Amino acid sequence: MPVSEIRSRIVVMSSRVYEMLELIQKAFMENKSEVLSQAMKKEAEINEFEKTLTATILELSKSVKDMKDRKTLIALEQVVESLERMGDEAANIVERIEIKVAEQLRFSELGVVQFNETFDTMKKSVELMREFLKGKDSGTKERIIDNGFHVKELVERYRHEHADRLLAGICTPMAANMFFDMIDFTGNLARHASNIVKLF
């Protein structure tokens, strides 16, 4: 498989991550576990991409002599690994929403707004990352990194505010822990998107 084909498949893999995120947000808003099974099918596809592409890259690297080409393959392998980790982070959110649905936990209106704002901002990083992997201009790279810092700020701010609500008895410990986990995984997704573009 030529490098150009590997790049094309990586773009498809990144699209699966984005599609998974859209399904997760739909499940969160509708409080429906059946949508989550669709999201996990996307995660299975991401894992399959990771296995195939990693094996292909490792095999190709055995015959590459040029140092520049070798560095390209190393970067592409790290992109594949990071995308697979993004699938894992998204699957962690799926697991929390499944518990949320099963336990009939409800976030406050403010909690829903804050989670969605953070999640939407993270999705922007992933969307831009996908465009960057398609070969868009280098200015996109800086936007992704800047957006990643914005997600980090939102996570820290809303974690602090939610801790205050927990201490004030406005929300239950179980719901608060669910919120903390979900917002942390969201931050991790944005961080992976930033790390991917930093490879190039």
N, C-alpha and C. Protein backbone atom coordinates (compact mmCIF):
# COMPACT_ATOMS: atom_id res chain seq x y z
N MET A 1 0.84 -1.19 0.00
CA MET A 1 0.00 0.00 0.00
C MET A 1 0.88 1.25 0.00
N PRO A 2 0.71 2.17 -0.95
CA PRO A 2 1.52 3.38 -0.99
C PRO A 2 1.16 4.34 0.15
N VAL A 3 2.07 5.26 0.44
CA VAL A 3 1.86 6.23 1.53
C VAL A 3 0.61 7.06 1.28
N SER A 4 0.35 7.40 0.03
CA SER A 4 -0.83 8.21 -0.30
C SER A 4 -2.12 7.49 0.11
N GLU A 5 -2.14 6.17 -0.06
CA GLU A 5 -3.31 5.38 0.34
C GLU A 5 -3.42 5.31 1.86
N ILE A 6 -2.29 5.21 2.52
CA ILE A 6 -2.30 5.22 3.99
C ILE A 6 -2.88 6.54 4.50
N ARG A 7 -2.45 7.63 3.90
CA ARG A 7 -2.98 8.96 4.29
C ARG A 7 -4.49 9.03 4.07
N SER A 8 -4.94 8.51 2.94
CA SER A 8 -6.38 8.53 2.64
C SER A 8 -7.17 7.73 3.66
N ARG A 9 -6.63 6.59 4.05
CA ARG A 9 -7.33 5.76 5.04
C ARG A 9 -7.31 6.40 6.43
N ILE A 10 -6.25 7.13 6.72
CA ILE A 10 -6.19 7.86 8.00
C ILE A 10 -7.28 8.93 8.04
N VAL A 11 -7.52 9.59 6.92
CA VAL A 11 -8.59 10.59 6.85
C VAL A 11 -9.94 9.93 7.12
N VAL A 12 -10.16 8.75 6.53
CA VAL A 12 -11.41 8.01 6.77
C VAL A 12 -11.51 7.63 8.24
N MET A 13 -10.41 7.21 8.82
CA MET A 13 -10.37 6.85 10.24
C MET A 13 -10.75 8.05 11.11
N SER A 14 -10.21 9.21 10.78
CA SER A 14 -10.54 10.43 11.54
C SER A 14 -12.01 10.78 11.39
N SER A 15 -12.59 10.50 10.22
CA SER A 15 -14.02 10.74 10.01
C SER A 15 -14.86 9.83 10.90
N ARG A 16 -14.41 8.59 11.09
CA ARG A 16 -15.13 7.67 11.97
C ARG A 16 -15.13 8.19 13.41
N VAL A 17 -14.01 8.79 13.82
CA VAL A 17 -13.95 9.39 15.16
C VAL A 17 -15.00 10.49 15.27
N TYR A 18 -15.06 11.36 14.27
CA TYR A 18 -16.01 12.47 14.30
C TYR A 18 -17.45 11.95 14.30
N GLU A 19 -17.73 10.94 13.49
CA GLU A 19 -19.08 10.36 13.43
C GLU A 19 -19.46 9.76 14.78
N MET A 20 -18.50 9.14 15.44
CA MET A 20 -18.73 8.57 16.77
C MET A 20 -19.10 9.66 17.76
N LEU A 21 -18.41 10.78 17.68
CA LEU A 21 -18.69 11.90 18.59
C LEU A 21 -20.10 12.46 18.36
N GLU A 22 -20.51 12.54 17.11
CA GLU A 22 -21.86 13.04 16.82
C GLU A 22 -22.93 12.12 17.41
N LEU A 23 -22.71 10.82 17.32
CA LEU A 23 -23.65 9.85 17.88
C LEU A 23 -23.69 9.94 19.40
N ILE A 24 -22.52 10.14 20.00
CA ILE A 24 -22.45 10.28 21.46
C ILE A 24 -23.26 11.48 21.93
N GLN A 25 -23.09 12.60 21.25
CA GLN A 25 -23.82 13.80 21.66
C GLN A 25 -25.33 13.62 21.47
N LYS A 26 -25.72 12.94 20.42
CA LYS A 26 -27.13 12.65 20.19
C LYS A 26 -27.69 11.78 21.32
N ALA A 27 -26.93 10.76 21.70
CA ALA A 27 -27.36 9.87 22.78
C ALA A 27 -27.46 10.62 24.10
N PHE A 28 -26.52 11.51 24.33
CA PHE A 28 -26.52 12.30 25.57
C PHE A 28 -27.75 13.18 25.65
N MET A 29 -28.08 13.85 24.56
CA MET A 29 -29.21 14.78 24.57
C MET A 29 -30.55 14.06 24.62
N GLU A 30 -30.63 12.91 23.95
CA GLU A 30 -31.89 12.17 23.90
C GLU A 30 -32.02 11.14 25.01
N ASN A 31 -30.91 10.91 25.72
CA ASN A 31 -30.88 9.93 26.82
C ASN A 31 -31.30 8.54 26.34
N LYS A 32 -30.79 8.17 25.14
CA LYS A 32 -31.16 6.90 24.54
C LYS A 32 -29.92 6.02 24.37
N SER A 33 -29.99 4.83 24.97
CA SER A 33 -28.83 3.93 24.91
C SER A 33 -28.68 3.26 23.55
N GLU A 34 -29.77 3.16 22.77
CA GLU A 34 -29.65 2.47 21.47
C GLU A 34 -28.73 3.21 20.51
N VAL A 35 -28.66 4.53 20.64
CA VAL A 35 -27.77 5.31 19.78
C VAL A 35 -26.31 5.00 20.13
N LEU A 36 -26.07 4.65 21.37
CA LEU A 36 -24.72 4.36 21.82
C LEU A 36 -24.15 3.11 21.15
N SER A 37 -25.02 2.15 20.84
CA SER A 37 -24.54 0.94 20.15
C SER A 37 -24.03 1.28 18.76
N GLN A 38 -24.65 2.28 18.12
CA GLN A 38 -24.16 2.76 16.82
C GLN A 38 -22.78 3.40 16.98
N ALA A 39 -22.62 4.14 18.07
CA ALA A 39 -21.32 4.77 18.33
C ALA A 39 -20.24 3.72 18.53
N MET A 40 -20.57 2.64 19.22
CA MET A 40 -19.58 1.61 19.49
C MET A 40 -19.22 0.82 18.22
N LYS A 41 -20.13 0.78 17.26
CA LYS A 41 -19.80 0.17 15.97
C LYS A 41 -18.72 1.01 15.26
N LYS A 42 -18.83 2.32 15.42
CA LYS A 42 -17.80 3.21 14.85
C LYS A 42 -16.47 2.95 15.54
N GLU A 43 -16.52 2.72 16.85
CA GLU A 43 -15.28 2.47 17.59
C GLU A 43 -14.63 1.18 17.13
N ALA A 44 -15.46 0.17 16.82
CA ALA A 44 -14.93 -1.10 16.31
C ALA A 44 -14.25 -0.89 14.96
N GLU A 45 -14.82 -0.02 14.14
CA GLU A 45 -14.21 0.30 12.84
C GLU A 45 -12.87 1.01 13.04
N ILE A 46 -12.83 1.92 14.02
CA ILE A 46 -11.59 2.64 14.32
C ILE A 46 -10.50 1.66 14.74
N ASN A 47 -10.87 0.70 15.58
CA ASN A 47 -9.90 -0.31 16.03
C ASN A 47 -9.39 -1.16 14.87
N GLU A 48 -10.27 -1.46 13.93
CA GLU A 48 -9.88 -2.26 12.77
C GLU A 48 -8.93 -1.48 11.87
N PHE A 49 -9.22 -0.19 11.71
CA PHE A 49 -8.31 0.68 10.95
C PHE A 49 -6.93 0.69 11.59
N GLU A 50 -6.91 0.78 12.92
CA GLU A 50 -5.64 0.85 13.64
C GLU A 50 -4.81 -0.41 13.41
N LYS A 51 -5.44 -1.57 13.50
CA LYS A 51 -4.72 -2.83 13.30
C LYS A 51 -4.15 -2.93 11.89
N THR A 52 -5.00 -2.65 10.91
CA THR A 52 -4.58 -2.78 9.51
C THR A 52 -3.50 -1.78 9.14
N LEU A 53 -3.72 -0.51 9.52
CA LEU A 53 -2.77 0.54 9.14
C LEU A 53 -1.43 0.39 9.87
N THR A 54 -1.47 0.03 11.13
CA THR A 54 -0.22 -0.16 11.88
C THR A 54 0.61 -1.29 11.25
N ALA A 55 -0.05 -2.39 10.93
CA ALA A 55 0.66 -3.52 10.31
C ALA A 55 1.23 -3.11 8.95
N THR A 56 0.46 -2.34 8.19
CA THR A 56 0.91 -1.90 6.86
C THR A 56 2.11 -0.97 6.97
N ILE A 57 2.02 -0.02 7.90
CA ILE A 57 3.12 0.94 8.09
C ILE A 57 4.40 0.24 8.55
N LEU A 58 4.26 -0.68 9.48
CA LEU A 58 5.44 -1.41 9.98
C LEU A 58 6.08 -2.23 8.88
N GLU A 59 5.26 -2.85 8.05
CA GLU A 59 5.77 -3.65 6.94
C GLU A 59 6.47 -2.76 5.91
N LEU A 60 5.87 -1.63 5.61
CA LEU A 60 6.44 -0.70 4.64
C LEU A 60 7.76 -0.12 5.12
N SER A 61 7.84 0.14 6.43
CA SER A 61 9.05 0.76 6.99
C SER A 61 10.29 -0.14 6.86
N LYS A 62 10.07 -1.45 6.69
CA LYS A 62 11.19 -2.37 6.56
C LYS A 62 11.98 -2.14 5.28
N SER A 63 11.29 -1.63 4.27
CA SER A 63 11.96 -1.44 2.97
C SER A 63 12.33 0.02 2.68
N VAL A 64 12.04 0.91 3.62
CA VAL A 64 12.32 2.33 3.41
C VAL A 64 13.74 2.66 3.86
N LYS A 65 14.51 3.28 2.99
CA LYS A 65 15.89 3.64 3.30
C LYS A 65 16.05 5.13 3.59
N ASP A 66 15.28 5.95 2.85
CA ASP A 66 15.38 7.39 2.97
C ASP A 66 14.89 7.85 4.35
N MET A 67 15.70 8.67 5.04
CA MET A 67 15.37 9.11 6.39
C MET A 67 14.10 9.94 6.43
N LYS A 68 13.90 10.78 5.43
CA LYS A 68 12.69 11.61 5.37
C LYS A 68 11.44 10.74 5.26
N ASP A 69 11.50 9.72 4.42
CA ASP A 69 10.37 8.81 4.26
C ASP A 69 10.11 8.03 5.54
N ARG A 70 11.20 7.66 6.21
CA ARG A 70 11.07 6.93 7.48
C ARG A 70 10.38 7.79 8.53
N LYS A 71 10.76 9.07 8.59
CA LYS A 71 10.14 9.99 9.55
C LYS A 71 8.66 10.18 9.25
N THR A 72 8.32 10.22 7.97
CA THR A 72 6.92 10.34 7.57
C THR A 72 6.12 9.15 8.06
N LEU A 73 6.67 7.96 7.89
CA LEU A 73 5.98 6.74 8.33
C LEU A 73 5.82 6.70 9.85
N ILE A 74 6.84 7.16 10.56
CA ILE A 74 6.77 7.20 12.02
C ILE A 74 5.64 8.14 12.45
N ALA A 75 5.57 9.30 11.80
CA ALA A 75 4.52 10.27 12.12
C ALA A 75 3.13 9.69 11.83
N LEU A 76 3.00 9.03 10.70
CA LEU A 76 1.71 8.45 10.33
C LEU A 76 1.30 7.34 11.31
N GLU A 77 2.28 6.56 11.76
CA GLU A 77 1.98 5.51 12.74
C GLU A 77 1.49 6.13 14.05
N GLN A 78 2.10 7.25 14.44
CA GLN A 78 1.68 7.93 15.67
C GLN A 78 0.29 8.54 15.52
N VAL A 79 -0.04 9.02 14.32
CA VAL A 79 -1.38 9.54 14.06
C VAL A 79 -2.41 8.42 14.23
N VAL A 80 -2.13 7.27 13.64
CA VAL A 80 -3.03 6.12 13.75
C VAL A 80 -3.23 5.73 15.20
N GLU A 81 -2.15 5.69 15.96
CA GLU A 81 -2.22 5.34 17.38
C GLU A 81 -3.07 6.35 18.15
N SER A 82 -2.88 7.64 17.85
CA SER A 82 -3.63 8.68 18.55
C SER A 82 -5.12 8.63 18.20
N LEU A 83 -5.43 8.35 16.94
CA LEU A 83 -6.83 8.22 16.55
C LEU A 83 -7.50 7.04 17.25
N GLU A 84 -6.74 5.96 17.42
CA GLU A 84 -7.28 4.81 18.15
C GLU A 84 -7.54 5.18 19.61
N ARG A 85 -6.64 5.97 20.19
CA ARG A 85 -6.84 6.43 21.57
C ARG A 85 -8.05 7.34 21.67
N MET A 86 -8.29 8.13 20.63
CA MET A 86 -9.47 8.99 20.62
C MET A 86 -10.73 8.14 20.64
N GLY A 87 -10.69 7.03 19.91
CA GLY A 87 -11.81 6.09 19.95
C GLY A 87 -12.02 5.54 21.35
N ASP A 88 -10.92 5.27 22.04
CA ASP A 88 -10.99 4.77 23.42
C ASP A 88 -11.60 5.82 24.36
N GLU A 89 -11.17 7.08 24.20
CA GLU A 89 -11.71 8.16 25.04
C GLU A 89 -13.21 8.32 24.80
N ALA A 90 -13.60 8.25 23.51
CA ALA A 90 -15.02 8.36 23.17
C ALA A 90 -15.80 7.19 23.75
N ALA A 91 -15.21 5.99 23.71
CA ALA A 91 -15.86 4.81 24.28
C ALA A 91 -16.05 4.96 25.80
N ASN A 92 -15.11 5.64 26.45
CA ASN A 92 -15.25 5.91 27.88
C ASN A 92 -16.47 6.80 28.15
N ILE A 93 -16.70 7.77 27.26
CA ILE A 93 -17.89 8.62 27.41
C ILE A 93 -19.15 7.79 27.19
N VAL A 94 -19.11 6.90 26.19
CA VAL A 94 -20.25 6.02 25.93
C VAL A 94 -20.59 5.23 27.19
N GLU A 95 -19.57 4.68 27.83
CA GLU A 95 -19.78 3.89 29.05
C GLU A 95 -20.45 4.71 30.14
N ARG A 96 -20.02 5.96 30.29
CA ARG A 96 -20.62 6.82 31.32
C ARG A 96 -22.07 7.16 30.98
N ILE A 97 -22.36 7.39 29.71
CA ILE A 97 -23.73 7.70 29.33
C ILE A 97 -24.63 6.48 29.54
N GLU A 98 -24.08 5.29 29.27
CA GLU A 98 -24.84 4.06 29.51
C GLU A 98 -25.24 3.96 30.99
N ILE A 99 -24.29 4.26 31.86
CA ILE A 99 -24.58 4.24 33.31
C ILE A 99 -25.60 5.32 33.64
N LYS A 100 -25.41 6.49 33.05
CA LYS A 100 -26.32 7.62 33.28
C LYS A 100 -27.76 7.25 32.91
N VAL A 101 -27.91 6.58 31.76
CA VAL A 101 -29.24 6.16 31.31
C VAL A 101 -29.80 5.08 32.23
N ALA A 102 -28.97 4.08 32.55
CA ALA A 102 -29.42 2.95 33.39
C ALA A 102 -29.83 3.41 34.78
N GLU A 103 -29.08 4.37 35.32
CA GLU A 103 -29.35 4.86 36.68
C GLU A 103 -30.34 6.02 36.69
N GLN A 104 -30.77 6.41 35.50
CA GLN A 104 -31.70 7.54 35.33
C GLN A 104 -31.17 8.81 36.01
N LEU A 105 -29.86 9.04 35.80
CA LEU A 105 -29.24 10.24 36.34
C LEU A 105 -29.53 11.42 35.43
N ARG A 106 -29.80 12.55 36.01
CA ARG A 106 -30.07 13.75 35.23
C ARG A 106 -29.09 14.85 35.59
N PHE A 107 -28.49 15.45 34.58
CA PHE A 107 -27.66 16.62 34.82
C PHE A 107 -28.58 17.83 34.94
N SER A 108 -28.14 18.82 35.70
CA SER A 108 -28.90 20.07 35.77
C SER A 108 -28.87 20.74 34.40
N GLU A 109 -29.74 21.69 34.20
CA GLU A 109 -29.76 22.42 32.92
C GLU A 109 -28.41 23.07 32.67
N LEU A 110 -27.82 23.61 33.73
CA LEU A 110 -26.51 24.25 33.59
C LEU A 110 -25.44 23.21 33.25
N GLY A 111 -25.51 22.05 33.89
CA GLY A 111 -24.55 20.98 33.60
C GLY A 111 -24.62 20.53 32.15
N VAL A 112 -25.84 20.42 31.61
CA VAL A 112 -26.03 20.04 30.21
C VAL A 112 -25.42 21.10 29.29
N VAL A 113 -25.68 22.36 29.60
CA VAL A 113 -25.14 23.47 28.79
C VAL A 113 -23.62 23.45 28.81
N GLN A 114 -23.04 23.27 29.99
CA GLN A 114 -21.58 23.29 30.11
C GLN A 114 -20.93 22.10 29.42
N PHE A 115 -21.54 20.92 29.56
CA PHE A 115 -20.98 19.75 28.88
C PHE A 115 -21.06 19.94 27.37
N ASN A 116 -22.21 20.38 26.89
CA ASN A 116 -22.37 20.55 25.44
C ASN A 116 -21.43 21.61 24.88
N GLU A 117 -21.22 22.68 25.63
CA GLU A 117 -20.28 23.72 25.16
C GLU A 117 -18.87 23.14 25.03
N THR A 118 -18.45 22.40 26.05
CA THR A 118 -17.12 21.79 26.03
C THR A 118 -17.01 20.76 24.91
N PHE A 119 -18.05 19.95 24.77
CA PHE A 119 -18.05 18.90 23.76
C PHE A 119 -18.06 19.49 22.35
N ASP A 120 -18.86 20.53 22.14
CA ASP A 120 -18.92 21.19 20.83
C ASP A 120 -17.57 21.82 20.47
N THR A 121 -16.93 22.42 21.46
CA THR A 121 -15.63 23.04 21.23
C THR A 121 -14.59 21.98 20.89
N MET A 122 -14.64 20.84 21.59
CA MET A 122 -13.74 19.73 21.28
C MET A 122 -14.00 19.19 19.88
N LYS A 123 -15.28 19.07 19.50
CA LYS A 123 -15.63 18.57 18.17
C LYS A 123 -15.05 19.47 17.08
N LYS A 124 -14.95 20.76 17.37
CA LYS A 124 -14.35 21.68 16.40
C LYS A 124 -12.89 21.31 16.18
N SER A 125 -12.18 20.96 17.24
CA SER A 125 -10.79 20.51 17.11
C SER A 125 -10.71 19.28 16.21
N VAL A 126 -11.61 18.34 16.42
CA VAL A 126 -11.59 17.10 15.65
C VAL A 126 -11.95 17.36 14.19
N GLU A 127 -12.91 18.24 13.98
CA GLU A 127 -13.30 18.59 12.61
C GLU A 127 -12.14 19.25 11.87
N LEU A 128 -11.48 20.19 12.54
CA LEU A 128 -10.33 20.87 11.92
C LEU A 128 -9.17 19.91 11.71
N MET A 129 -8.98 19.00 12.66
CA MET A 129 -7.92 17.99 12.53
C MET A 129 -8.15 17.15 11.29
N ARG A 130 -9.39 16.77 11.06
CA ARG A 130 -9.73 15.98 9.88
C ARG A 130 -9.40 16.74 8.60
N GLU A 131 -9.72 18.04 8.59
CA GLU A 131 -9.40 18.87 7.42
C GLU A 131 -7.89 18.99 7.24
N PHE A 132 -7.18 19.13 8.35
CA PHE A 132 -5.72 19.22 8.31
C PHE A 132 -5.11 17.96 7.71
N LEU A 133 -5.64 16.80 8.10
CA LEU A 133 -5.13 15.52 7.60
C LEU A 133 -5.41 15.34 6.11
N LYS A 134 -6.42 16.06 5.62
CA LYS A 134 -6.71 16.02 4.19
C LYS A 134 -5.70 16.84 3.38
N GLY A 135 -4.90 17.65 4.11
CA GLY A 135 -3.87 18.44 3.42
C GLY A 135 -4.18 19.91 3.33
N LYS A 136 -4.99 20.40 4.27
CA LYS A 136 -5.34 21.82 4.26
C LYS A 136 -4.15 22.67 4.71
N ASP A 137 -4.34 23.99 4.64
CA ASP A 137 -3.23 24.92 4.93
C ASP A 137 -2.75 24.79 6.37
N SER A 138 -1.50 25.18 6.56
CA SER A 138 -0.86 25.04 7.87
C SER A 138 -1.49 25.94 8.93
N GLY A 139 -2.22 26.97 8.52
CA GLY A 139 -2.89 27.84 9.49
C GLY A 139 -3.90 27.08 10.32
N THR A 140 -4.42 26.01 9.75
CA THR A 140 -5.38 25.16 10.47
C THR A 140 -4.73 24.55 11.71
N LYS A 141 -3.45 24.25 11.60
CA LYS A 141 -2.72 23.65 12.72
C LYS A 141 -2.77 24.54 13.96
N GLU A 142 -2.50 25.82 13.78
CA GLU A 142 -2.51 26.75 14.91
C GLU A 142 -3.91 26.90 15.49
N ARG A 143 -4.93 26.88 14.64
CA ARG A 143 -6.31 26.99 15.11
C ARG A 143 -6.67 25.80 15.98
N ILE A 144 -6.21 24.62 15.58
CA ILE A 144 -6.49 23.40 16.36
C ILE A 144 -5.82 23.47 17.72
N ILE A 145 -4.57 23.87 17.73
CA ILE A 145 -3.83 23.96 18.99
C ILE A 145 -4.45 25.00 19.91
N ASP A 146 -4.80 26.17 19.35
CA ASP A 146 -5.46 27.22 20.14
C ASP A 146 -6.80 26.74 20.69
N ASN A 147 -7.55 26.06 19.85
CA ASN A 147 -8.84 25.55 20.28
C ASN A 147 -8.69 24.51 21.38
N GLY A 148 -7.61 23.72 21.29
CA GLY A 148 -7.33 22.73 22.33
C GLY A 148 -7.10 23.38 23.69
N PHE A 149 -6.41 24.52 23.68
CA PHE A 149 -6.20 25.26 24.93
C PHE A 149 -7.53 25.79 25.47
N HIS A 150 -8.41 26.20 24.55
CA HIS A 150 -9.72 26.69 24.96
C HIS A 150 -10.53 25.58 25.62
N VAL A 151 -10.47 24.37 25.05
CA VAL A 151 -11.16 23.24 25.66
C VAL A 151 -10.61 22.97 27.06
N LYS A 152 -9.29 23.02 27.19
CA LYS A 152 -8.67 22.80 28.49
C LYS A 152 -9.16 23.82 29.52
N GLU A 153 -9.27 25.07 29.10
CA GLU A 153 -9.78 26.12 29.99
C GLU A 153 -11.22 25.85 30.42
N LEU A 154 -12.04 25.41 29.46
CA LEU A 154 -13.44 25.10 29.77
C LEU A 154 -13.53 23.94 30.76
N VAL A 155 -12.73 22.91 30.54
CA VAL A 155 -12.73 21.75 31.45
C VAL A 155 -12.38 22.19 32.86
N GLU A 156 -11.32 22.97 32.98
CA GLU A 156 -10.89 23.41 34.31
C GLU A 156 -11.93 24.30 34.98
N ARG A 157 -12.50 25.23 34.21
CA ARG A 157 -13.50 26.15 34.77
C ARG A 157 -14.75 25.41 35.22
N TYR A 158 -15.26 24.52 34.35
CA TYR A 158 -16.51 23.83 34.67
C TYR A 158 -16.34 22.75 35.71
N ARG A 159 -15.14 22.19 35.80
CA ARG A 159 -14.86 21.25 36.89
C ARG A 159 -14.96 21.99 38.23
N HIS A 160 -14.34 23.17 38.27
CA HIS A 160 -14.35 23.97 39.50
C HIS A 160 -15.77 24.39 39.88
N GLU A 161 -16.52 24.88 38.90
CA GLU A 161 -17.89 25.32 39.16
C GLU A 161 -18.77 24.15 39.61
N HIS A 162 -18.55 22.99 38.99
CA HIS A 162 -19.37 21.83 39.35
C HIS A 162 -19.01 21.33 40.75
N ALA A 163 -17.74 21.43 41.10
CA ALA A 163 -17.33 21.04 42.47
C ALA A 163 -18.03 21.93 43.49
N ASP A 164 -18.15 23.21 43.17
CA ASP A 164 -18.86 24.13 44.06
C ASP A 164 -20.32 23.73 44.20
N ARG A 165 -20.95 23.32 43.08
CA ARG A 165 -22.36 22.91 43.14
C ARG A 165 -22.52 21.64 43.97
N LEU A 166 -21.53 20.75 43.85
CA LEU A 166 -21.57 19.51 44.64
C LEU A 166 -21.48 19.82 46.13
N LEU A 167 -20.55 20.70 46.49
CA LEU A 167 -20.38 21.07 47.90
C LEU A 167 -21.61 21.80 48.45
N ALA A 168 -22.31 22.49 47.56
CA ALA A 168 -23.51 23.22 47.97
C ALA A 168 -24.73 22.30 48.04
N GLY A 169 -24.55 21.03 47.64
CA GLY A 169 -25.66 20.08 47.68
C GLY A 169 -26.64 20.23 46.53
N ILE A 170 -26.24 20.94 45.48
CA ILE A 170 -27.13 21.16 44.34
C ILE A 170 -27.21 19.92 43.46
N CYS A 171 -26.13 19.13 43.43
CA CYS A 171 -26.15 17.89 42.64
C CYS A 171 -25.65 16.73 43.49
N THR A 172 -25.96 15.52 43.06
CA THR A 172 -25.58 14.32 43.82
C THR A 172 -24.13 13.94 43.50
N PRO A 173 -23.46 13.26 44.42
CA PRO A 173 -22.08 12.82 44.15
C PRO A 173 -21.96 11.95 42.91
N MET A 174 -22.91 11.06 42.66
CA MET A 174 -22.83 10.17 41.50
C MET A 174 -22.94 10.95 40.20
N ALA A 175 -23.89 11.90 40.16
CA ALA A 175 -24.04 12.73 38.96
C ALA A 175 -22.81 13.61 38.76
N ALA A 176 -22.26 14.11 39.87
CA ALA A 176 -21.08 14.97 39.78
C ALA A 176 -19.88 14.19 39.23
N ASN A 177 -19.69 12.97 39.74
CA ASN A 177 -18.58 12.14 39.24
C ASN A 177 -18.75 11.82 37.76
N MET A 178 -19.99 11.59 37.35
CA MET A 178 -20.28 11.33 35.94
C MET A 178 -19.90 12.54 35.10
N PHE A 179 -20.26 13.72 35.58
CA PHE A 179 -19.94 14.96 34.87
C PHE A 179 -18.43 15.14 34.77
N PHE A 180 -17.73 14.95 35.90
CA PHE A 180 -16.27 15.10 35.91
C PHE A 180 -15.61 14.16 34.90
N ASP A 181 -16.03 12.89 34.91
CA ASP A 181 -15.44 11.91 33.98
C ASP A 181 -15.68 12.31 32.53
N MET A 182 -16.93 12.65 32.22
CA MET A 182 -17.29 12.95 30.84
C MET A 182 -16.58 14.19 30.31
N ILE A 183 -16.43 15.17 31.16
CA ILE A 183 -15.77 16.40 30.72
C ILE A 183 -14.26 16.19 30.61
N ASP A 184 -13.71 15.33 31.47
CA ASP A 184 -12.28 15.01 31.39
C ASP A 184 -11.96 14.25 30.10
N PHE A 185 -12.78 13.27 29.75
CA PHE A 185 -12.57 12.52 28.51
C PHE A 185 -12.71 13.43 27.30
N THR A 186 -13.61 14.40 27.41
CA THR A 186 -13.78 15.37 26.32
C THR A 186 -12.50 16.19 26.14
N GLY A 187 -11.92 16.61 27.26
CA GLY A 187 -10.65 17.34 27.19
C GLY A 187 -9.54 16.51 26.59
N ASN A 188 -9.52 15.22 26.93
CA ASN A 188 -8.49 14.32 26.38
C ASN A 188 -8.60 14.20 24.87
N LEU A 189 -9.83 14.17 24.36
CA LEU A 189 -10.04 14.09 22.92
C LEU A 189 -9.45 15.30 22.20
N ALA A 190 -9.67 16.49 22.75
CA ALA A 190 -9.11 17.70 22.15
C ALA A 190 -7.59 17.68 22.21
N ARG A 191 -7.04 17.16 23.30
CA ARG A 191 -5.58 17.09 23.44
C ARG A 191 -4.97 16.17 22.39
N HIS A 192 -5.63 15.04 22.15
CA HIS A 192 -5.13 14.12 21.10
C HIS A 192 -5.17 14.78 19.73
N ALA A 193 -6.23 15.54 19.45
CA ALA A 193 -6.33 16.24 18.17
C ALA A 193 -5.15 17.21 17.99
N SER A 194 -4.82 17.93 19.06
CA SER A 194 -3.69 18.86 19.01
C SER A 194 -2.38 18.12 18.81
N ASN A 195 -2.22 17.00 19.53
CA ASN A 195 -0.99 16.22 19.41
C ASN A 195 -0.79 15.66 18.00
N ILE A 196 -1.88 15.31 17.35
CA ILE A 196 -1.79 14.77 15.99
C ILE A 196 -1.23 15.82 15.03
N VAL A 197 -1.75 17.04 15.08
CA VAL A 197 -1.28 18.05 14.12
C VAL A 197 0.14 18.52 14.44
N LYS A 198 0.55 18.39 15.70
CA LYS A 198 1.90 18.77 16.07
C LYS A 198 2.95 17.83 15.48
N LEU A 199 2.52 16.68 14.98
CA LEU A 199 3.45 15.73 14.38
C LEU A 199 3.95 16.18 13.01
N PHE A 200 3.29 17.19 12.44
CA PHE A 200 3.62 17.61 11.09
C PHE A 200 4.09 19.07 11.06
